[in-house]
Amino acid sequence: MEWFDHRKTGGISVDITVVEACQRYVDKLRGNGKESGAIDVEGRFKRWVYSDAKLSKVSLIKLTPTMLSDWRMKLVKTPAMLQDKAA
């Protein structure tokens, strides 16, 4: 019975939010010695995930394809940021 409960939650044993999952990913990159990758991903998460109050607070268990699609459409409509390539 415990295994079925585990599967109902998507195979995860704790209920975490999208932000917590993103932070765990950044921590994993850092733990694997990939600091530059962690910095890059963390910046993207800050701009595109953490800044979206609706998405960032959602539990991974309750995250739906519709929520992700809505978030992606919002990103598509966001103007591109100019980058300073000289730095």
PDB file of N, CA and C in Angstrom:
ATOM      1  N   MET A   1       0.817  -1.187   0.000  1.00  0.00           N
ATOM      2  CA  MET A   1       0.000   0.000   0.000  1.00  0.00           C
ATOM      3  C   MET A   1       0.872   1.266   0.000  1.00  0.00           C
ATOM      4  N   GLU A   2       1.954   1.245   0.745  1.00  0.00           N
ATOM      5  CA  GLU A   2       2.848   2.402   0.820  1.00  0.00           C
ATOM      6  C   GLU A   2       3.437   2.735  -0.552  1.00  0.00           C
ATOM      7  N   TRP A   3       3.761   1.695  -1.329  1.00  0.00           N
ATOM      8  CA  TRP A   3       4.328   1.904  -2.657  1.00  0.00           C
ATOM      9  C   TRP A   3       3.332   2.635  -3.550  1.00  0.00           C
ATOM     10  N   PHE A   4       2.050   2.259  -3.479  1.00  0.00           N
ATOM     11  CA  PHE A   4       1.028   2.914  -4.297  1.00  0.00           C
ATOM     12  C   PHE A   4       0.873   4.375  -3.909  1.00  0.00           C
ATOM     13  N   ASP A   5       0.930   4.656  -2.637  1.00  0.00           N
ATOM     14  CA  ASP A   5       0.862   6.051  -2.186  1.00  0.00           C
ATOM     15  C   ASP A   5       2.038   6.847  -2.751  1.00  0.00           C
ATOM     16  N   HIS A   6       3.204   6.226  -2.730  1.00  0.00           N
ATOM     17  CA  HIS A   6       4.410   6.856  -3.261  1.00  0.00           C
ATOM     18  C   HIS A   6       4.230   7.152  -4.751  1.00  0.00           C
ATOM     19  N   ARG A   7       3.679   6.218  -5.499  1.00  0.00           N
ATOM     20  CA  ARG A   7       3.473   6.411  -6.929  1.00  0.00           C
ATOM     21  C   ARG A   7       2.433   7.493  -7.205  1.00  0.00           C
ATOM     22  N   LYS A   8       1.429   7.617  -6.363  1.00  0.00           N
ATOM     23  CA  LYS A   8       0.399   8.644  -6.552  1.00  0.00           C
ATOM     24  C   LYS A   8       0.980  10.048  -6.446  1.00  0.00           C
ATOM     25  N   THR A   9       2.078  10.188  -5.715  1.00  0.00           N
ATOM     26  CA  THR A   9       2.712  11.498  -5.568  1.00  0.00           C
ATOM     27  C   THR A   9       3.793  11.720  -6.626  1.00  0.00           C
ATOM     28  N   GLY A  10       3.792  10.920  -7.648  1.00  0.00           N
ATOM     29  CA  GLY A  10       4.765  11.083  -8.722  1.00  0.00           C
ATOM     30  C   GLY A  10       6.109  10.476  -8.392  1.00  0.00           C
ATOM     31  N   GLY A  11       6.161   9.629  -7.383  1.00  0.00           N
ATOM     32  CA  GLY A  11       7.395   8.952  -7.018  1.00  0.00           C
ATOM     33  C   GLY A  11       8.277   9.747  -6.071  1.00  0.00           C
ATOM     34  N   ILE A  12       7.823  10.914  -5.642  1.00  0.00           N
ATOM     35  CA  ILE A  12       8.615  11.689  -4.693  1.00  0.00           C
ATOM     36  C   ILE A  12       8.091  11.449  -3.284  1.00  0.00           C
ATOM     37  N   SER A  13       8.966  11.527  -2.311  1.00  0.00           N
ATOM     38  CA  SER A  13       8.564  11.204  -0.944  1.00  0.00           C
ATOM     39  C   SER A  13       8.227  12.435  -0.111  1.00  0.00           C
ATOM     40  N   VAL A  14       8.584  13.609  -0.597  1.00  0.00           N
ATOM     41  CA  VAL A  14       8.254  14.840   0.118  1.00  0.00           C
ATOM     42  C   VAL A  14       7.570  15.799  -0.839  1.00  0.00           C
ATOM     43  N   ASP A  15       6.709  16.622  -0.296  1.00  0.00           N
ATOM     44  CA  ASP A  15       5.986  17.598  -1.111  1.00  0.00           C
ATOM     45  C   ASP A  15       6.788  18.895  -1.119  1.00  0.00           C
ATOM     46  N   ILE A  16       7.350  19.246  -2.287  1.00  0.00           N
ATOM     47  CA  ILE A  16       8.135  20.476  -2.402  1.00  0.00           C
ATOM     48  C   ILE A  16       7.539  21.356  -3.487  1.00  0.00           C
ATOM     49  N   THR A  17       7.860  22.626  -3.423  1.00  0.00           N
ATOM     50  CA  THR A  17       7.374  23.581  -4.416  1.00  0.00           C
ATOM     51  C   THR A  17       8.323  23.626  -5.612  1.00  0.00           C
ATOM     52  N   VAL A  18       7.875  24.299  -6.647  1.00  0.00           N
ATOM     53  CA  VAL A  18       8.704  24.476  -7.842  1.00  0.00           C
ATOM     54  C   VAL A  18      10.004  25.181  -7.469  1.00  0.00           C
ATOM     55  N   VAL A  19       9.910  26.223  -6.632  1.00  0.00           N
ATOM     56  CA  VAL A  19      11.121  26.948  -6.216  1.00  0.00           C
ATOM     57  C   VAL A  19      12.081  26.027  -5.480  1.00  0.00           C
ATOM     58  N   GLU A  20      11.559  25.219  -4.578  1.00  0.00           N
ATOM     59  CA  GLU A  20      12.430  24.305  -3.828  1.00  0.00           C
ATOM     60  C   GLU A  20      13.104  23.305  -4.762  1.00  0.00           C
ATOM     61  N   ALA A  21      12.388  22.817  -5.761  1.00  0.00           N
ATOM     62  CA  ALA A  21      12.978  21.889  -6.730  1.00  0.00           C
ATOM     63  C   ALA A  21      14.096  22.579  -7.521  1.00  0.00           C
ATOM     64  N   CYS A  22      13.850  23.820  -7.920  1.00  0.00           N
ATOM     65  CA  CYS A  22      14.874  24.579  -8.651  1.00  0.00           C
ATOM     66  C   CYS A  22      16.110  24.789  -7.781  1.00  0.00           C
ATOM     67  N   GLN A  23      15.900  25.155  -6.526  1.00  0.00           N
ATOM     68  CA  GLN A  23      17.027  25.371  -5.612  1.00  0.00           C
ATOM     69  C   GLN A  23      17.812  24.083  -5.384  1.00  0.00           C
ATOM     70  N   ARG A  24      17.114  22.959  -5.302  1.00  0.00           N
ATOM     71  CA  ARG A  24      17.805  21.674  -5.149  1.00  0.00           C
ATOM     72  C   ARG A  24      18.665  21.376  -6.376  1.00  0.00           C
ATOM     73  N   TYR A  25      18.166  21.733  -7.557  1.00  0.00           N
ATOM     74  CA  TYR A  25      18.930  21.511  -8.775  1.00  0.00           C
ATOM     75  C   TYR A  25      20.198  22.363  -8.783  1.00  0.00           C
ATOM     76  N   VAL A  26      20.075  23.614  -8.387  1.00  0.00           N
ATOM     77  CA  VAL A  26      21.244  24.493  -8.310  1.00  0.00           C
ATOM     78  C   VAL A  26      22.250  23.928  -7.297  1.00  0.00           C
ATOM     79  N   ASP A  27      21.761  23.491  -6.154  1.00  0.00           N
ATOM     80  CA  ASP A  27      22.639  22.900  -5.137  1.00  0.00           C
ATOM     81  C   ASP A  27      23.328  21.644  -5.667  1.00  0.00           C
ATOM     82  N   LYS A  28      22.609  20.842  -6.441  1.00  0.00           N
ATOM     83  CA  LYS A  28      23.198  19.625  -7.012  1.00  0.00           C
ATOM     84  C   LYS A  28      24.321  19.973  -7.979  1.00  0.00           C
ATOM     85  N   LEU A  29      24.090  20.990  -8.822  1.00  0.00           N
ATOM     86  CA  LEU A  29      25.146  21.419  -9.737  1.00  0.00           C
ATOM     87  C   LEU A  29      26.384  21.859  -8.959  1.00  0.00           C
ATOM     88  N   ARG A  30      26.151  22.659  -7.924  1.00  0.00           N
ATOM     89  CA  ARG A  30      27.289  23.125  -7.105  1.00  0.00           C
ATOM     90  C   ARG A  30      27.997  21.948  -6.439  1.00  0.00           C
ATOM     91  N   GLY A  31      27.217  21.004  -5.947  1.00  0.00           N
ATOM     92  CA  GLY A  31      27.792  19.820  -5.302  1.00  0.00           C
ATOM     93  C   GLY A  31      28.612  18.970  -6.248  1.00  0.00           C
ATOM     94  N   ASN A  32      28.296  19.057  -7.541  1.00  0.00           N
ATOM     95  CA  ASN A  32      29.034  18.305  -8.561  1.00  0.00           C
ATOM     96  C   ASN A  32      30.179  19.121  -9.157  1.00  0.00           C
ATOM     97  N   GLY A  33      30.488  20.280  -8.532  1.00  0.00           N
ATOM     98  CA  GLY A  33      31.604  21.097  -8.990  1.00  0.00           C
ATOM     99  C   GLY A  33      31.314  21.899 -10.247  1.00  0.00           C
ATOM    100  N   LYS A  34      30.061  22.148 -10.538  1.00  0.00           N
ATOM    101  CA  LYS A  34      29.687  22.885 -11.753  1.00  0.00           C
ATOM    102  C   LYS A  34      29.186  24.280 -11.383  1.00  0.00           C
ATOM    103  N   GLU A  35      30.069  25.053 -10.789  1.00  0.00           N
ATOM    104  CA  GLU A  35      29.708  26.381 -10.287  1.00  0.00           C
ATOM    105  C   GLU A  35      29.221  27.318 -11.386  1.00  0.00           C
ATOM    106  N   SER A  36      29.895  27.332 -12.534  1.00  0.00           N
ATOM    107  CA  SER A  36      29.465  28.251 -13.595  1.00  0.00           C
ATOM    108  C   SER A  36      28.076  27.866 -14.110  1.00  0.00           C
ATOM    109  N   GLY A  37      27.808  26.593 -14.222  1.00  0.00           N
ATOM    110  CA  GLY A  37      26.478  26.137 -14.625  1.00  0.00           C
ATOM    111  C   GLY A  37      25.432  26.506 -13.594  1.00  0.00           C
ATOM    112  N   ALA A  38      25.788  26.368 -12.313  1.00  0.00           N
ATOM    113  CA  ALA A  38      24.867  26.717 -11.231  1.00  0.00           C
ATOM    114  C   ALA A  38      24.526  28.204 -11.259  1.00  0.00           C
ATOM    115  N   ILE A  39      25.523  29.036 -11.504  1.00  0.00           N
ATOM    116  CA  ILE A  39      25.304  30.481 -11.565  1.00  0.00           C
ATOM    117  C   ILE A  39      24.371  30.817 -12.732  1.00  0.00           C
ATOM    118  N   ASP A  40      24.617  30.208 -13.881  1.00  0.00           N
ATOM    119  CA  ASP A  40      23.786  30.446 -15.054  1.00  0.00           C
ATOM    120  C   ASP A  40      22.339  30.018 -14.804  1.00  0.00           C
ATOM    121  N   VAL A  41      22.150  28.805 -14.324  1.00  0.00           N
ATOM    122  CA  VAL A  41      20.810  28.274 -14.081  1.00  0.00           C
ATOM    123  C   VAL A  41      20.096  29.083 -13.004  1.00  0.00           C
ATOM    124  N   GLU A  42      20.815  29.462 -11.961  1.00  0.00           N
ATOM    125  CA  GLU A  42      20.204  30.237 -10.885  1.00  0.00           C
ATOM    126  C   GLU A  42      19.690  31.585 -11.407  1.00  0.00           C
ATOM    127  N   GLY A  43      20.452  32.211 -12.285  1.00  0.00           N
ATOM    128  CA  GLY A  43      20.021  33.473 -12.883  1.00  0.00           C
ATOM    129  C   GLY A  43      18.764  33.301 -13.719  1.00  0.00           C
ATOM    130  N   ARG A  44      18.722  32.219 -14.476  1.00  0.00           N
ATOM    131  CA  ARG A  44      17.528  31.946 -15.290  1.00  0.00           C
ATOM    132  C   ARG A  44      16.321  31.679 -14.398  1.00  0.00           C
ATOM    133  N   PHE A  45      16.516  30.892 -13.351  1.00  0.00           N
ATOM    134  CA  PHE A  45      15.413  30.609 -12.424  1.00  0.00           C
ATOM    135  C   PHE A  45      14.907  31.900 -11.784  1.00  0.00           C
ATOM    136  N   LYS A  46      15.824  32.792 -11.395  1.00  0.00           N
ATOM    137  CA  LYS A  46      15.403  34.056 -10.769  1.00  0.00           C
ATOM    138  C   LYS A  46      14.548  34.877 -11.722  1.00  0.00           C
ATOM    139  N   ARG A  47      14.956  34.935 -12.992  1.00  0.00           N
ATOM    140  CA  ARG A  47      14.216  35.735 -13.970  1.00  0.00           C
ATOM    141  C   ARG A  47      12.902  35.093 -14.377  1.00  0.00           C
ATOM    142  N   TRP A  48      12.905  33.795 -14.571  1.00  0.00           N
ATOM    143  CA  TRP A  48      11.768  33.158 -15.224  1.00  0.00           C
ATOM    144  C   TRP A  48      10.877  32.320 -14.317  1.00  0.00           C
ATOM    145  N   VAL A  49      11.390  31.849 -13.209  1.00  0.00           N
ATOM    146  CA  VAL A  49      10.584  30.981 -12.330  1.00  0.00           C
ATOM    147  C   VAL A  49      10.252  31.693 -11.026  1.00  0.00           C
ATOM    148  N   TYR A  50      11.281  32.116 -10.296  1.00  0.00           N
ATOM    149  CA  TYR A  50      11.052  32.716  -8.980  1.00  0.00           C
ATOM    150  C   TYR A  50      10.194  33.975  -9.078  1.00  0.00           C
ATOM    151  N   SER A  51      10.310  34.698 -10.182  1.00  0.00           N
ATOM    152  CA  SER A  51       9.556  35.941 -10.343  1.00  0.00           C
ATOM    153  C   SER A  51       8.078  35.697 -10.655  1.00  0.00           C
ATOM    154  N   ASP A  52       7.726  34.468 -10.978  1.00  0.00           N
ATOM    155  CA  ASP A  52       6.335  34.113 -11.268  1.00  0.00           C
ATOM    156  C   ASP A  52       5.709  33.546  -9.986  1.00  0.00           C
ATOM    157  N   ALA A  53       5.036  34.416  -9.248  1.00  0.00           N
ATOM    158  CA  ALA A  53       4.489  34.030  -7.942  1.00  0.00           C
ATOM    159  C   ALA A  53       3.543  32.841  -8.038  1.00  0.00           C
ATOM    160  N   LYS A  54       2.770  32.799  -9.089  1.00  0.00           N
ATOM    161  CA  LYS A  54       1.805  31.707  -9.242  1.00  0.00           C
ATOM    162  C   LYS A  54       2.509  30.361  -9.431  1.00  0.00           C
ATOM    163  N   LEU A  55       3.462  30.307 -10.328  1.00  0.00           N
ATOM    164  CA  LEU A  55       4.169  29.057 -10.610  1.00  0.00           C
ATOM    165  C   LEU A  55       5.104  28.656  -9.478  1.00  0.00           C
ATOM    166  N   SER A  56       5.843  29.607  -8.958  1.00  0.00           N
ATOM    167  CA  SER A  56       6.895  29.283  -7.989  1.00  0.00           C
ATOM    168  C   SER A  56       6.379  28.650  -6.698  1.00  0.00           C
ATOM    169  N   LYS A  57       5.141  28.965  -6.320  1.00  0.00           N
ATOM    170  CA  LYS A  57       4.595  28.442  -5.065  1.00  0.00           C
ATOM    171  C   LYS A  57       3.853  27.120  -5.216  1.00  0.00           C
ATOM    172  N   VAL A  58       3.714  26.650  -6.442  1.00  0.00           N
ATOM    173  CA  VAL A  58       2.961  25.424  -6.693  1.00  0.00           C
ATOM    174  C   VAL A  58       3.754  24.203  -6.234  1.00  0.00           C
ATOM    175  N   SER A  59       3.064  23.291  -5.609  1.00  0.00           N
ATOM    176  CA  SER A  59       3.649  22.018  -5.224  1.00  0.00           C
ATOM    177  C   SER A  59       3.907  21.202  -6.486  1.00  0.00           C
ATOM    178  N   LEU A  60       5.021  20.497  -6.552  1.00  0.00           N
ATOM    179  CA  LEU A  60       5.313  19.680  -7.729  1.00  0.00           C
ATOM    180  C   LEU A  60       4.214  18.650  -7.966  1.00  0.00           C
ATOM    181  N   ILE A  61       3.635  18.162  -6.899  1.00  0.00           N
ATOM    182  CA  ILE A  61       2.573  17.164  -7.015  1.00  0.00           C
ATOM    183  C   ILE A  61       1.351  17.753  -7.719  1.00  0.00           C
ATOM    184  N   LYS A  62       1.120  19.036  -7.543  1.00  0.00           N
ATOM    185  CA  LYS A  62      -0.065  19.679  -8.112  1.00  0.00           C
ATOM    186  C   LYS A  62       0.212  20.408  -9.425  1.00  0.00           C
ATOM    187  N   LEU A  63       1.440  20.386  -9.882  1.00  0.00           N
ATOM    188  CA  LEU A  63       1.813  21.043 -11.133  1.00  0.00           C
ATOM    189  C   LEU A  63       1.177  20.296 -12.307  1.00  0.00           C
ATOM    190  N   THR A  64       0.520  21.046 -13.179  1.00  0.00           N
ATOM    191  CA  THR A  64      -0.177  20.425 -14.311  1.00  0.00           C
ATOM    192  C   THR A  64       0.424  20.886 -15.638  1.00  0.00           C
ATOM    193  N   PRO A  65       0.177  20.121 -16.700  1.00  0.00           N
ATOM    194  CA  PRO A  65       0.634  20.553 -18.025  1.00  0.00           C
ATOM    195  C   PRO A  65       0.063  21.916 -18.420  1.00  0.00           C
ATOM    196  N   THR A  66      -1.157  22.207 -18.020  1.00  0.00           N
ATOM    197  CA  THR A  66      -1.766  23.496 -18.332  1.00  0.00           C
ATOM    198  C   THR A  66      -1.009  24.637 -17.657  1.00  0.00           C
ATOM    199  N   MET A  67      -0.618  24.445 -16.412  1.00  0.00           N
ATOM    200  CA  MET A  67       0.155  25.469 -15.695  1.00  0.00           C
ATOM    201  C   MET A  67       1.465  25.740 -16.423  1.00  0.00           C
ATOM    202  N   LEU A  68       2.138  24.680 -16.846  1.00  0.00           N
ATOM    203  CA  LEU A  68       3.409  24.842 -17.558  1.00  0.00           C
ATOM    204  C   LEU A  68       3.206  25.509 -18.910  1.00  0.00           C
ATOM    205  N   SER A  69       2.149  25.140 -19.597  1.00  0.00           N
ATOM    206  CA  SER A  69       1.849  25.751 -20.889  1.00  0.00           C
ATOM    207  C   SER A  69       1.564  27.248 -20.728  1.00  0.00           C
ATOM    208  N   ASP A  70       0.774  27.600 -19.726  1.00  0.00           N
ATOM    209  CA  ASP A  70       0.485  29.016 -19.464  1.00  0.00           C
ATOM    210  C   ASP A  70       1.762  29.787 -19.161  1.00  0.00           C
ATOM    211  N   TRP A  71       2.637  29.196 -18.368  1.00  0.00           N
ATOM    212  CA  TRP A  71       3.912  29.825 -18.002  1.00  0.00           C
ATOM    213  C   TRP A  71       4.784  30.005 -19.250  1.00  0.00           C
ATOM    214  N   ARG A  72       4.836  28.981 -20.091  1.00  0.00           N
ATOM    215  CA  ARG A  72       5.633  29.065 -21.318  1.00  0.00           C
ATOM    216  C   ARG A  72       5.112  30.162 -22.248  1.00  0.00           C
ATOM    217  N   MET A  73       3.791  30.271 -22.359  1.00  0.00           N
ATOM    218  CA  MET A  73       3.216  31.314 -23.222  1.00  0.00           C
ATOM    219  C   MET A  73       3.556  32.707 -22.678  1.00  0.00           C
ATOM    220  N   LYS A  74       3.587  32.831 -21.373  1.00  0.00           N
ATOM    221  CA  LYS A  74       3.974  34.102 -20.746  1.00  0.00           C
ATOM    222  C   LYS A  74       5.433  34.426 -21.099  1.00  0.00           C
ATOM    223  N   LEU A  75       6.294  33.408 -21.088  1.00  0.00           N
ATOM    224  CA  LEU A  75       7.707  33.617 -21.443  1.00  0.00           C
ATOM    225  C   LEU A  75       7.856  34.031 -22.900  1.00  0.00           C
ATOM    226  N   VAL A  76       7.087  33.410 -23.765  1.00  0.00           N
ATOM    227  CA  VAL A  76       7.156  33.727 -25.193  1.00  0.00           C
ATOM    228  C   VAL A  76       6.845  35.199 -25.435  1.00  0.00           C
ATOM    229  N   LYS A  77       5.942  35.747 -24.653  1.00  0.00           N
ATOM    230  CA  LYS A  77       5.518  37.142 -24.812  1.00  0.00           C
ATOM    231  C   LYS A  77       6.468  38.133 -24.126  1.00  0.00           C
ATOM    232  N   THR A  78       7.434  37.629 -23.378  1.00  0.00           N
ATOM    233  CA  THR A  78       8.374  38.484 -22.659  1.00  0.00           C
ATOM    234  C   THR A  78       9.478  38.949 -23.613  1.00  0.00           C
ATOM    235  N   PRO A  79       9.737  40.256 -23.657  1.00  0.00           N
ATOM    236  CA  PRO A  79      10.811  40.750 -24.536  1.00  0.00           C
ATOM    237  C   PRO A  79      12.174  40.185 -24.113  1.00  0.00           C
ATOM    238  N   ALA A  80      12.999  39.925 -25.088  1.00  0.00           N
ATOM    239  CA  ALA A  80      14.341  39.416 -24.817  1.00  0.00           C
ATOM    240  C   ALA A  80      15.173  40.479 -24.116  1.00  0.00           C
ATOM    241  N   MET A  81      16.040  40.019 -23.216  1.00  0.00           N
ATOM    242  CA  MET A  81      16.946  40.940 -22.519  1.00  0.00           C
ATOM    243  C   MET A  81      18.206  41.111 -23.346  1.00  0.00           C
ATOM    244  N   LEU A  82      18.661  42.342 -23.501  1.00  0.00           N
ATOM    245  CA  LEU A  82      19.925  42.576 -24.180  1.00  0.00           C
ATOM    246  C   LEU A  82      21.059  42.116 -23.286  1.00  0.00           C
ATOM    247  N   GLN A  83      22.026  41.465 -23.897  1.00  0.00           N
ATOM    248  CA  GLN A  83      23.170  40.963 -23.140  1.00  0.00           C
ATOM    249  C   GLN A  83      24.412  41.747 -23.505  1.00  0.00           C
ATOM    250  N   ASP A  84      25.247  41.993 -22.487  1.00  0.00           N
ATOM    251  CA  ASP A  84      26.514  42.667 -22.715  1.00  0.00           C
ATOM    252  C   ASP A  84      27.557  41.598 -23.015  1.00  0.00           C
ATOM    253  N   LYS A  85      27.861  41.388 -24.272  1.00  0.00           N
ATOM    254  CA  LYS A  85      28.799  40.341 -24.680  1.00  0.00           C
ATOM    255  C   LYS A  85      30.257  40.739 -24.411  1.00  0.00           C
ATOM    256  N   ALA A  86      30.489  42.001 -24.080  1.00  0.00           N
ATOM    257  CA  ALA A  86      31.862  42.470 -23.838  1.00  0.00           C
ATOM    258  C   ALA A  86      32.380  42.015 -22.491  1.00  0.00           C
ATOM    259  N   ALA A  87      31.506  41.702 -21.579  1.00  0.00           N
ATOM    260  CA  ALA A  87      31.922  41.349 -20.213  1.00  0.00           C
ATOM    261  C   ALA A  87      32.507  39.988 -20.125  1.00  0.00           C
TER     262      ALA A  87
END
